[in-house]
């Protein structure tokens, strides 16, 4: 293990093999003013190093840290809002554009999914959406179930993605040459907008914590949320596969029915698994 040994020895001495060692100098403006890349040591002819691509380094001060942090958060938020805004009316178009190479215009599907899942989990925890159903001696059991649901929420929220993919592959097969990963991009975008709608639907429960209101809210949600899911998926299929509402409505209807059936089955299996975990 000579390479590993030399690497460890060099690291203990303060530098790594293959990289220019930083001399023992004080931090100063003169050090950064020199036309040399402080990452790889190459001469700097432009604002970015021609060897490693790093931007010309400057001293780190508070305003730079604040500006960089704000820019990253601002760009992330704007990217998320812009992508979600487009997804509301065109989930299939966004997915098709992304698959065909238009990547910089939209947020990465997995990043968007993680963001929407995180928001929904926080809303569920903040509204105590599950624990408010507890009655009598079932309180401890319900709390344990709520904890398990939140703990395995990423899996439960992924079930819709699987349902969208399976229904699409059965109904539309390899229409337009999409492979299963490309269909998964559509499924993730559709599921992200569904989770965003569910999060918006939960906002009233953060204000009104009355158990009667929560129960009414949940009963109503079980009616219109599945319809909303099917509508998002239908629009996504139509746009992604370049279908026509007039001539292709039977296939779209079949695909949505299959999605609803698969999603319902997977959720029931998930609920059974949670119950089994809690009752052990």
Protein backbone atom coordinates (compact mmCIF):
# COMPACT_ATOMS: atom_id res chain seq x y z
CA UNK A 1 0.00 0.00 0.00
CA UNK A 2 2.70 2.55 -0.91
CA UNK A 3 0.27 5.02 -2.43
CA UNK A 4 -1.98 5.03 0.61
CA UNK A 5 1.00 5.28 2.94
CA UNK A 6 2.48 8.21 1.04
CA UNK A 7 -0.87 9.93 0.92
CA UNK A 8 -1.34 9.61 4.68
CA UNK A 9 2.23 10.75 5.35
CA UNK A 10 1.89 13.76 3.08
CA UNK A 11 -1.48 14.68 4.60
CA UNK A 12 0.04 14.62 8.07
CA UNK A 13 2.72 17.00 6.83
CA UNK A 14 0.09 19.39 5.54
CA UNK A 15 -0.17 18.67 1.82
CA UNK A 16 -1.31 15.96 -0.58
CA UNK A 17 0.69 14.28 -3.36
CA UNK A 18 0.08 15.69 -6.82
CA UNK A 19 -1.06 19.06 -5.50
CA UNK A 20 1.08 22.14 -4.99
CA UNK A 21 1.76 22.73 -1.33
CA UNK A 22 0.53 26.03 0.06
CA UNK A 23 3.55 27.87 1.44
CA UNK A 24 3.71 29.01 5.04
CA UNK A 25 2.69 32.60 4.40
CA UNK A 26 0.36 34.97 6.17
CA UNK A 27 -3.04 35.67 4.65
CA UNK A 28 -2.80 39.00 2.80
CA UNK A 29 -4.19 40.91 -0.13
CA UNK A 30 -0.84 40.57 -1.91
CA UNK A 31 -1.11 36.77 -1.81
CA UNK A 32 -4.46 36.80 -3.61
CA UNK A 33 -3.41 39.58 -6.00
CA UNK A 34 -0.78 37.39 -7.65
CA UNK A 35 -1.90 36.08 -11.09
CA UNK A 36 -1.81 32.44 -10.06
CA UNK A 37 -4.48 29.84 -9.37
CA UNK A 38 -4.56 29.11 -5.65
CA UNK A 39 -6.08 25.68 -6.29
CA UNK A 40 -3.65 24.07 -8.75
CA UNK A 41 -0.87 26.68 -8.95
CA UNK A 42 -1.21 27.39 -12.69
CA UNK A 43 -0.80 30.88 -14.09
CA UNK A 44 -4.08 32.81 -14.24
CA UNK A 45 -4.67 34.53 -17.58
CA UNK A 46 -8.40 35.08 -17.11
CA UNK A 47 -10.86 35.20 -14.23
CA UNK A 48 -11.04 31.38 -14.31
CA UNK A 49 -8.12 28.96 -14.28
CA UNK A 50 -7.45 27.27 -17.60
CA UNK A 51 -6.25 24.11 -15.84
CA UNK A 52 -8.79 23.35 -13.10
CA UNK A 53 -11.55 25.86 -13.86
CA UNK A 54 -11.58 27.52 -10.42
CA UNK A 55 -12.47 31.17 -10.27
CA UNK A 56 -9.76 33.55 -9.12
CA UNK A 57 -9.73 33.28 -5.33
CA UNK A 58 -10.19 36.25 -3.02
CA UNK A 59 -10.07 36.67 0.71
CA UNK A 60 -13.18 35.41 2.47
CA UNK A 61 -15.01 38.18 4.25
CA UNK A 62 -18.45 38.33 5.83
CA UNK A 63 -20.20 40.10 2.96
CA UNK A 64 -18.95 37.45 0.52
CA UNK A 65 -20.21 34.60 2.71
CA UNK A 66 -23.56 36.33 3.10
CA UNK A 67 -23.86 37.09 -0.61
CA UNK A 68 -22.88 33.57 -1.71
CA UNK A 69 -25.29 31.96 0.76
CA UNK A 70 -28.12 34.25 -0.28
CA UNK A 71 -27.43 33.72 -3.98
CA UNK A 72 -27.50 29.95 -3.56
CA UNK A 73 -30.72 30.02 -1.54
CA UNK A 74 -32.31 32.57 -3.86
CA UNK A 75 -31.44 30.63 -7.00
CA UNK A 76 -32.62 27.38 -5.40
CA UNK A 77 -35.94 28.93 -4.39
CA UNK A 78 -36.46 30.65 -7.74
CA UNK A 79 -35.61 27.43 -9.56
CA UNK A 80 -38.05 25.49 -7.39
CA UNK A 81 -40.86 28.02 -7.75
CA UNK A 82 -40.33 28.36 -11.49
CA UNK A 83 -40.33 24.60 -12.02
CA UNK A 84 -43.38 24.06 -9.80
CA UNK A 85 -45.21 26.92 -11.51
CA UNK A 86 -44.67 25.34 -14.92
CA UNK A 87 -45.52 21.87 -13.63
CA UNK A 88 -48.97 23.01 -12.51
CA UNK A 89 -50.09 23.41 -16.12
CA UNK A 90 -47.54 21.33 -18.01
CA UNK A 91 -46.02 18.41 -16.04
CA UNK A 92 -45.66 16.26 -19.14
CA UNK A 93 -44.12 19.07 -21.17
CA UNK A 94 -41.53 19.77 -18.47
CA UNK A 95 -40.64 16.07 -18.30
CA UNK A 96 -40.42 15.78 -22.09
CA UNK A 97 -38.24 18.90 -22.35
CA UNK A 98 -35.96 17.55 -19.61
CA UNK A 99 -35.67 14.14 -21.26
CA UNK A 100 -34.86 15.73 -24.62
CA UNK A 101 -32.00 17.71 -23.13
CA UNK A 102 -33.44 20.99 -21.87
CA UNK A 103 -31.97 20.54 -18.39
CA UNK A 104 -30.82 23.98 -17.22
CA UNK A 105 -34.31 25.46 -17.54
CA UNK A 106 -35.81 23.24 -14.85
CA UNK A 107 -34.90 21.95 -11.42
CA UNK A 108 -33.53 18.40 -11.30
CA UNK A 109 -36.49 16.06 -10.68
CA UNK A 110 -34.92 14.36 -7.66
CA UNK A 111 -34.01 17.68 -6.03
CA UNK A 112 -37.57 18.86 -6.53
CA UNK A 113 -38.99 15.62 -5.12
CA UNK A 114 -36.79 15.82 -2.02
CA UNK A 115 -37.84 19.42 -1.44
CA UNK A 116 -41.57 18.69 -1.75
CA UNK A 117 -41.31 15.59 0.47
CA UNK A 118 -39.45 17.56 3.13
CA UNK A 119 -42.08 20.30 3.14
CA UNK A 120 -44.93 17.79 3.37
CA UNK A 121 -43.29 15.89 6.25
CA UNK A 122 -42.82 19.16 8.16
CA UNK A 123 -46.46 20.09 7.58
CA UNK A 124 -47.67 16.67 8.74
CA UNK A 125 -45.56 16.93 11.87
CA UNK A 126 -46.55 20.54 12.56
CA UNK A 127 -50.27 19.98 12.13
CA UNK A 128 -50.28 16.73 14.18
CA UNK A 129 -52.46 15.38 11.39
CA UNK A 130 -52.32 11.79 12.64
CA UNK A 131 -52.26 12.12 16.42
CA UNK A 132 -55.51 14.08 16.47
CA UNK A 133 -57.39 10.92 15.48
CA UNK A 134 -56.45 9.26 18.74
CA UNK A 135 -59.31 8.28 20.94
CA UNK A 136 -59.24 6.58 24.32
CA UNK A 137 -56.81 3.70 24.69
CA UNK A 138 -55.82 3.88 21.03
CA UNK A 139 -53.79 7.03 21.59
CA UNK A 140 -50.44 5.28 22.04
CA UNK A 141 -51.02 3.06 19.02
CA UNK A 142 -51.96 6.00 16.80
CA UNK A 143 -48.90 7.95 17.91
CA UNK A 144 -46.69 4.98 17.12
CA UNK A 145 -48.31 4.63 13.71
CA UNK A 146 -47.84 8.34 13.05
CA UNK A 147 -44.19 8.03 13.97
CA UNK A 148 -43.75 5.09 11.63
CA UNK A 149 -45.54 6.90 8.81
CA UNK A 150 -43.25 9.90 9.19
CA UNK A 151 -40.18 7.70 9.55
CA UNK A 152 -40.95 5.84 6.33
CA UNK A 153 -42.56 8.80 4.56
CA UNK A 154 -40.04 8.83 1.72
CA UNK A 155 -41.09 5.30 0.80
CA UNK A 156 -44.80 6.06 1.00
CA UNK A 157 -44.46 9.17 -1.14
CA UNK A 158 -42.52 7.13 -3.70
CA UNK A 159 -45.40 4.71 -4.22
CA UNK A 160 -47.14 7.16 -6.52
CA UNK A 161 -44.02 7.29 -8.70
CA UNK A 162 -44.05 3.52 -9.09
CA UNK A 163 -47.77 3.54 -9.91
CA UNK A 164 -47.30 6.20 -12.61
CA UNK A 165 -44.41 4.31 -14.19
CA UNK A 166 -46.13 0.91 -14.19
CA UNK A 167 -49.41 2.27 -15.60
CA UNK A 168 -47.52 4.15 -18.33
CA UNK A 169 -45.42 1.17 -19.35
CA UNK A 170 -48.44 -1.12 -19.55
CA UNK A 171 -50.68 1.33 -21.40
CA UNK A 172 -48.26 3.20 -23.68
CA UNK A 173 -45.38 0.69 -23.76
CA UNK A 174 -42.43 2.26 -25.63
CA UNK A 175 -44.34 5.00 -27.41
CA UNK A 176 -41.94 7.69 -28.74
CA UNK A 177 -39.00 5.51 -27.71
CA UNK A 178 -38.94 6.40 -24.02
CA UNK A 179 -37.06 4.03 -21.73
CA UNK A 180 -38.11 3.31 -18.17
CA UNK A 181 -35.76 5.90 -16.67
CA UNK A 182 -37.19 8.62 -18.90
CA UNK A 183 -40.71 7.60 -17.90
CA UNK A 184 -39.55 7.81 -14.28
CA UNK A 185 -38.62 11.46 -14.86
CA UNK A 186 -42.26 12.09 -15.82
CA UNK A 187 -43.43 10.18 -12.75
CA UNK A 188 -41.18 12.15 -10.39
CA UNK A 189 -42.32 15.49 -11.78
CA UNK A 190 -45.98 14.46 -11.57
CA UNK A 191 -45.54 13.18 -8.02
CA UNK A 192 -43.76 16.40 -7.01
CA UNK A 193 -46.67 18.56 -8.12
CA UNK A 194 -49.10 16.18 -6.40
CA UNK A 195 -47.14 16.51 -3.15
CA UNK A 196 -47.13 20.28 -3.56
CA UNK A 197 -50.94 20.28 -3.86
CA UNK A 198 -51.23 18.01 -0.81
CA UNK A 199 -49.01 20.41 1.15
CA UNK A 200 -51.24 23.34 0.19
CA UNK A 201 -54.25 21.27 1.19
CA UNK A 202 -52.74 20.77 4.67
CA UNK A 203 -52.21 24.48 5.35
CA UNK A 204 -55.63 25.01 7.01
CA UNK A 205 -54.78 22.30 9.56
CA UNK A 206 -51.91 24.46 10.79
CA UNK A 207 -54.41 27.14 11.77
CA UNK A 208 -57.41 25.14 12.98
CA UNK A 209 -56.42 22.26 15.27
CA UNK A 210 -59.93 21.30 16.31
CA UNK A 211 -60.28 17.48 16.03
CA UNK A 212 -63.71 17.81 14.40
CA UNK A 213 -62.29 20.08 11.71
CA UNK A 214 -59.36 17.73 11.11
CA UNK A 215 -61.69 14.76 10.69
CA UNK A 216 -63.91 16.71 8.27
CA UNK A 217 -60.87 17.91 6.36
CA UNK A 218 -59.54 14.37 6.02
CA UNK A 219 -62.91 13.02 4.88
CA UNK A 220 -63.21 15.72 2.22
CA UNK A 221 -59.59 15.24 1.13
CA UNK A 222 -60.25 11.56 0.46
CA UNK A 223 -62.74 12.65 -2.20
CA UNK A 224 -61.00 15.43 -4.12
CA UNK A 225 -57.32 14.52 -3.66
CA UNK A 226 -57.60 11.25 -5.69
CA UNK A 227 -59.40 13.20 -8.43
CA UNK A 228 -56.63 15.81 -8.40
CA UNK A 229 -53.97 13.08 -8.59
CA UNK A 230 -55.67 11.46 -11.58
CA UNK A 231 -55.98 14.83 -13.33
CA UNK A 232 -52.28 15.62 -12.86
CA UNK A 233 -51.31 12.18 -14.14
CA UNK A 234 -53.68 12.44 -17.13
CA UNK A 235 -52.25 15.80 -18.16
CA UNK A 236 -48.74 14.46 -17.68
CA UNK A 237 -49.39 11.41 -19.86
CA UNK A 238 -51.10 13.48 -22.54
CA UNK A 239 -48.25 15.97 -22.85
CA UNK A 240 -45.39 13.52 -22.41
CA UNK A 241 -46.68 11.05 -25.00
CA UNK A 242 -48.07 13.76 -27.34
CA UNK A 243 -51.62 12.42 -27.19
CA UNK A 244 -54.91 14.01 -28.18
CA UNK A 245 -57.79 14.48 -25.75
CA UNK A 246 -60.27 13.79 -28.54
CA UNK A 247 -58.84 10.65 -30.14
CA UNK A 248 -56.75 9.18 -27.33
CA UNK A 249 -59.10 9.65 -24.39
CA UNK A 250 -59.81 5.89 -24.02
CA UNK A 251 -56.10 5.15 -23.53
CA UNK A 252 -55.71 8.08 -21.16
CA UNK A 253 -58.72 6.94 -19.15
CA UNK A 254 -57.37 3.39 -19.00
CA UNK A 255 -53.93 4.64 -17.91
CA UNK A 256 -55.44 6.81 -15.15
CA UNK A 257 -57.64 3.96 -13.92
CA UNK A 258 -54.62 1.67 -13.82
CA UNK A 259 -52.62 4.33 -11.95
CA UNK A 260 -55.41 4.74 -9.39
CA UNK A 261 -55.74 0.98 -8.89
CA UNK A 262 -51.99 0.39 -8.56
CA UNK A 263 -51.55 3.36 -6.25
CA UNK A 264 -54.47 2.23 -4.06
CA UNK A 265 -53.02 -1.31 -3.84
CA UNK A 266 -49.53 -0.08 -2.97
CA UNK A 267 -50.88 2.25 -0.27
CA UNK A 268 -52.88 -0.59 1.28
CA UNK A 269 -49.76 -2.77 1.32
CA UNK A 270 -47.84 0.11 2.90
CA UNK A 271 -50.55 0.61 5.53
CA UNK A 272 -50.51 -3.11 6.32
CA UNK A 273 -46.71 -3.00 6.68
CA UNK A 274 -46.91 -0.03 9.05
CA UNK A 275 -49.54 -1.80 11.14
CA UNK A 276 -47.36 -4.89 11.29
CA UNK A 277 -44.33 -2.84 12.39
CA UNK A 278 -46.32 -1.08 15.13
CA UNK A 279 -48.01 -4.21 16.46
CA UNK A 280 -44.84 -6.27 16.77
